[in-house]
Amino acid sequence: MISPSPSQTQRDSTDSNTINEIDEGLRRLDDRRLVQQRFVPTEQKAEMLQKLALGAKVERALRWRMEGQDYVPRLPCAKSG
């Protein structure tokens, strides 16, 4: 059997250390205290957030498309409360 070269052994050791560091980082992300604090929206709230995000994307796309033209952006309407 052929013994591995020193550079191969060192590379394997470095790869193993890298994998261990990534594994440790992932374990820290799974902290139970942080999971309890995590925001979990209700179904209505999630739907509203999705609609807001879609609206923002459409506005950005329109702004991007109209920049080179004679487009004048509208100011947002103030809602009376």
N, C-alpha and C. Protein backbone atom coordinates (compact mmCIF):
# COMPACT_ATOMS: atom_id res chain seq x y z
N MET A 1 0.83 -1.18 0.00
CA MET A 1 0.00 0.00 0.00
C MET A 1 0.88 1.24 0.00
N ILE A 2 0.46 2.26 -0.76
CA ILE A 2 1.25 3.48 -0.88
C ILE A 2 0.81 4.45 0.20
N SER A 3 1.78 5.02 0.91
CA SER A 3 1.43 5.98 1.95
C SER A 3 1.19 7.34 1.31
N PRO A 4 0.25 8.11 1.85
CA PRO A 4 -0.04 9.41 1.27
C PRO A 4 1.12 10.37 1.43
N SER A 5 1.27 11.25 0.47
CA SER A 5 2.35 12.23 0.53
C SER A 5 2.05 13.25 1.63
N PRO A 6 3.07 13.92 2.15
CA PRO A 6 2.84 14.91 3.22
C PRO A 6 1.88 16.02 2.79
N SER A 7 1.98 16.45 1.54
CA SER A 7 1.10 17.54 1.09
C SER A 7 -0.35 17.06 1.04
N GLN A 8 -0.57 15.80 0.66
CA GLN A 8 -1.92 15.23 0.62
C GLN A 8 -2.50 15.15 2.03
N THR A 9 -1.69 14.71 2.99
CA THR A 9 -2.14 14.60 4.37
C THR A 9 -2.48 15.98 4.92
N GLN A 10 -1.65 16.97 4.60
CA GLN A 10 -1.89 18.33 5.08
C GLN A 10 -3.17 18.89 4.46
N ARG A 11 -3.40 18.63 3.17
CA ARG A 11 -4.60 19.13 2.51
C ARG A 11 -5.84 18.47 3.12
N ASP A 12 -5.77 17.17 3.39
CA ASP A 12 -6.90 16.48 4.02
C ASP A 12 -7.19 17.07 5.40
N SER A 13 -6.13 17.38 6.15
CA SER A 13 -6.29 17.97 7.47
C SER A 13 -6.94 19.35 7.36
N THR A 14 -6.51 20.14 6.38
CA THR A 14 -7.08 21.47 6.18
C THR A 14 -8.55 21.37 5.78
N ASP A 15 -8.86 20.44 4.88
CA ASP A 15 -10.25 20.23 4.47
C ASP A 15 -11.10 19.81 5.66
N SER A 16 -10.57 18.94 6.49
CA SER A 16 -11.29 18.47 7.67
C SER A 16 -11.54 19.63 8.63
N ASN A 17 -10.54 20.49 8.82
CA ASN A 17 -10.71 21.66 9.70
C ASN A 17 -11.77 22.60 9.16
N THR A 18 -11.77 22.80 7.84
CA THR A 18 -12.75 23.68 7.22
C THR A 18 -14.16 23.13 7.42
N ILE A 19 -14.32 21.84 7.23
CA ILE A 19 -15.63 21.22 7.41
C ILE A 19 -16.07 21.35 8.87
N ASN A 20 -15.15 21.14 9.79
CA ASN A 20 -15.49 21.28 11.22
C ASN A 20 -15.91 22.71 11.55
N GLU A 21 -15.23 23.72 10.98
CA GLU A 21 -15.59 25.12 11.23
C GLU A 21 -16.98 25.41 10.70
N ILE A 22 -17.29 24.92 9.51
CA ILE A 22 -18.62 25.13 8.93
C ILE A 22 -19.68 24.46 9.79
N ASP A 23 -19.39 23.24 10.25
CA ASP A 23 -20.34 22.51 11.10
C ASP A 23 -20.60 23.26 12.40
N GLU A 24 -19.54 23.82 13.01
CA GLU A 24 -19.70 24.59 14.24
C GLU A 24 -20.57 25.82 14.00
N GLY A 25 -20.34 26.51 12.89
CA GLY A 25 -21.12 27.69 12.56
C GLY A 25 -22.59 27.35 12.38
N LEU A 26 -22.88 26.24 11.71
CA LEU A 26 -24.26 25.82 11.52
C LEU A 26 -24.92 25.45 12.84
N ARG A 27 -24.17 24.85 13.74
CA ARG A 27 -24.73 24.51 15.05
C ARG A 27 -25.07 25.77 15.84
N ARG A 28 -24.22 26.82 15.72
CA ARG A 28 -24.50 28.07 16.42
C ARG A 28 -25.76 28.73 15.86
N LEU A 29 -25.99 28.56 14.57
CA LEU A 29 -27.20 29.13 13.97
C LEU A 29 -28.45 28.44 14.48
N ASP A 30 -28.33 27.24 14.98
CA ASP A 30 -29.46 26.45 15.46
C ASP A 30 -29.70 26.65 16.95
N ASP A 31 -29.25 27.77 17.51
CA ASP A 31 -29.38 28.06 18.93
C ASP A 31 -30.86 28.13 19.31
N ARG A 32 -31.27 27.38 20.32
CA ARG A 32 -32.66 27.28 20.73
C ARG A 32 -33.22 28.64 21.18
N ARG A 33 -32.40 29.44 21.87
CA ARG A 33 -32.87 30.76 22.31
C ARG A 33 -33.21 31.63 21.12
N LEU A 34 -32.41 31.54 20.06
CA LEU A 34 -32.67 32.35 18.87
C LEU A 34 -33.90 31.84 18.12
N VAL A 35 -34.12 30.55 18.14
CA VAL A 35 -35.29 29.98 17.46
C VAL A 35 -36.57 30.49 18.12
N GLN A 36 -36.55 30.62 19.45
CA GLN A 36 -37.72 31.11 20.16
C GLN A 36 -38.02 32.58 19.84
N GLN A 37 -36.99 33.35 19.50
CA GLN A 37 -37.15 34.77 19.20
C GLN A 37 -37.50 35.02 17.74
N ARG A 38 -37.36 34.01 16.91
CA ARG A 38 -37.57 34.18 15.48
C ARG A 38 -39.00 34.59 15.16
N PHE A 39 -39.14 35.54 14.23
CA PHE A 39 -40.45 36.05 13.82
C PHE A 39 -41.09 35.05 12.87
N VAL A 40 -42.29 34.59 13.24
CA VAL A 40 -43.05 33.69 12.38
C VAL A 40 -44.38 34.37 12.09
N PRO A 41 -44.54 34.88 10.87
CA PRO A 41 -45.77 35.63 10.57
C PRO A 41 -46.99 34.73 10.44
N THR A 42 -48.14 35.32 10.72
CA THR A 42 -49.39 34.59 10.49
C THR A 42 -49.61 34.50 8.98
N GLU A 43 -50.57 33.71 8.58
CA GLU A 43 -50.84 33.54 7.15
C GLU A 43 -51.24 34.87 6.51
N GLN A 44 -52.07 35.65 7.21
CA GLN A 44 -52.49 36.95 6.69
C GLN A 44 -51.30 37.89 6.56
N LYS A 45 -50.45 37.91 7.58
CA LYS A 45 -49.28 38.79 7.58
C LYS A 45 -48.32 38.39 6.47
N ALA A 46 -48.12 37.10 6.26
CA ALA A 46 -47.23 36.63 5.20
C ALA A 46 -47.76 37.03 3.83
N GLU A 47 -49.08 36.92 3.65
CA GLU A 47 -49.69 37.31 2.38
C GLU A 47 -49.52 38.81 2.13
N MET A 48 -49.72 39.61 3.19
CA MET A 48 -49.55 41.05 3.06
C MET A 48 -48.10 41.41 2.72
N LEU A 49 -47.15 40.76 3.38
CA LEU A 49 -45.74 41.01 3.10
C LEU A 49 -45.37 40.63 1.67
N GLN A 50 -45.93 39.53 1.17
CA GLN A 50 -45.68 39.12 -0.21
C GLN A 50 -46.23 40.15 -1.19
N LYS A 51 -47.41 40.69 -0.91
CA LYS A 51 -48.00 41.70 -1.79
C LYS A 51 -47.16 42.97 -1.78
N LEU A 52 -46.70 43.37 -0.59
CA LEU A 52 -45.85 44.56 -0.50
C LEU A 52 -44.55 44.36 -1.27
N ALA A 53 -43.96 43.18 -1.13
CA ALA A 53 -42.71 42.89 -1.84
C ALA A 53 -42.92 42.91 -3.34
N LEU A 54 -44.02 42.35 -3.81
CA LEU A 54 -44.31 42.36 -5.24
C LEU A 54 -44.50 43.79 -5.74
N GLY A 55 -45.23 44.60 -4.98
CA GLY A 55 -45.42 46.00 -5.36
C GLY A 55 -44.11 46.75 -5.45
N ALA A 56 -43.21 46.51 -4.50
CA ALA A 56 -41.91 47.17 -4.52
C ALA A 56 -41.10 46.73 -5.74
N LYS A 57 -41.17 45.46 -6.09
CA LYS A 57 -40.44 44.96 -7.26
C LYS A 57 -40.98 45.59 -8.54
N VAL A 58 -42.30 45.71 -8.64
CA VAL A 58 -42.91 46.32 -9.83
C VAL A 58 -42.50 47.78 -9.93
N GLU A 59 -42.53 48.51 -8.81
CA GLU A 59 -42.12 49.92 -8.82
C GLU A 59 -40.67 50.08 -9.25
N ARG A 60 -39.79 49.23 -8.73
CA ARG A 60 -38.37 49.30 -9.13
C ARG A 60 -38.21 49.03 -10.61
N ALA A 61 -38.93 48.03 -11.11
CA ALA A 61 -38.82 47.67 -12.52
C ALA A 61 -39.32 48.82 -13.40
N LEU A 62 -40.44 49.43 -13.02
CA LEU A 62 -40.97 50.55 -13.80
C LEU A 62 -40.00 51.74 -13.78
N ARG A 63 -39.47 52.03 -12.60
CA ARG A 63 -38.51 53.13 -12.48
C ARG A 63 -37.30 52.87 -13.36
N TRP A 64 -36.81 51.64 -13.35
CA TRP A 64 -35.63 51.27 -14.14
C TRP A 64 -35.93 51.40 -15.63
N ARG A 65 -37.11 50.97 -16.05
CA ARG A 65 -37.47 51.03 -17.47
C ARG A 65 -37.70 52.46 -17.93
N MET A 66 -38.22 53.31 -17.06
CA MET A 66 -38.59 54.66 -17.46
C MET A 66 -37.47 55.68 -17.31
N GLU A 67 -36.36 55.31 -16.70
CA GLU A 67 -35.28 56.27 -16.45
C GLU A 67 -34.81 56.96 -17.72
N GLY A 68 -34.67 56.23 -18.81
CA GLY A 68 -34.16 56.81 -20.05
C GLY A 68 -35.21 57.57 -20.83
N GLN A 69 -36.43 57.60 -20.36
CA GLN A 69 -37.50 58.29 -21.09
C GLN A 69 -37.87 59.57 -20.36
N ASP A 70 -38.94 60.22 -20.77
CA ASP A 70 -39.35 61.47 -20.14
C ASP A 70 -40.30 61.22 -18.96
N TYR A 71 -40.02 60.19 -18.24
CA TYR A 71 -40.84 59.77 -17.10
C TYR A 71 -40.64 60.71 -15.92
N VAL A 72 -41.73 61.12 -15.29
CA VAL A 72 -41.69 61.93 -14.08
C VAL A 72 -42.29 61.09 -12.96
N PRO A 73 -41.48 60.72 -11.95
CA PRO A 73 -42.00 59.85 -10.90
C PRO A 73 -43.06 60.56 -10.06
N ARG A 74 -44.07 59.77 -9.67
CA ARG A 74 -45.13 60.29 -8.81
C ARG A 74 -44.68 60.28 -7.37
N LEU A 75 -45.11 61.26 -6.63
CA LEU A 75 -44.87 61.25 -5.20
C LEU A 75 -45.93 60.39 -4.54
N PRO A 76 -45.58 59.60 -3.53
CA PRO A 76 -46.59 58.76 -2.89
C PRO A 76 -47.69 59.61 -2.26
N CYS A 77 -48.91 59.15 -2.38
CA CYS A 77 -50.05 59.85 -1.81
C CYS A 77 -50.06 59.66 -0.30
N ALA A 78 -50.31 60.74 0.41
CA ALA A 78 -50.41 60.65 1.87
C ALA A 78 -51.83 60.21 2.21
N LYS A 79 -51.93 59.12 2.94
CA LYS A 79 -53.25 58.61 3.34
C LYS A 79 -53.70 59.35 4.59
N SER A 80 -54.94 59.78 4.54
CA SER A 80 -55.49 60.44 5.73
C SER A 80 -56.01 59.37 6.68
N GLY A 81 -55.60 59.44 7.91
CA GLY A 81 -55.85 58.39 8.84
C GLY A 81 -57.04 58.50 9.63
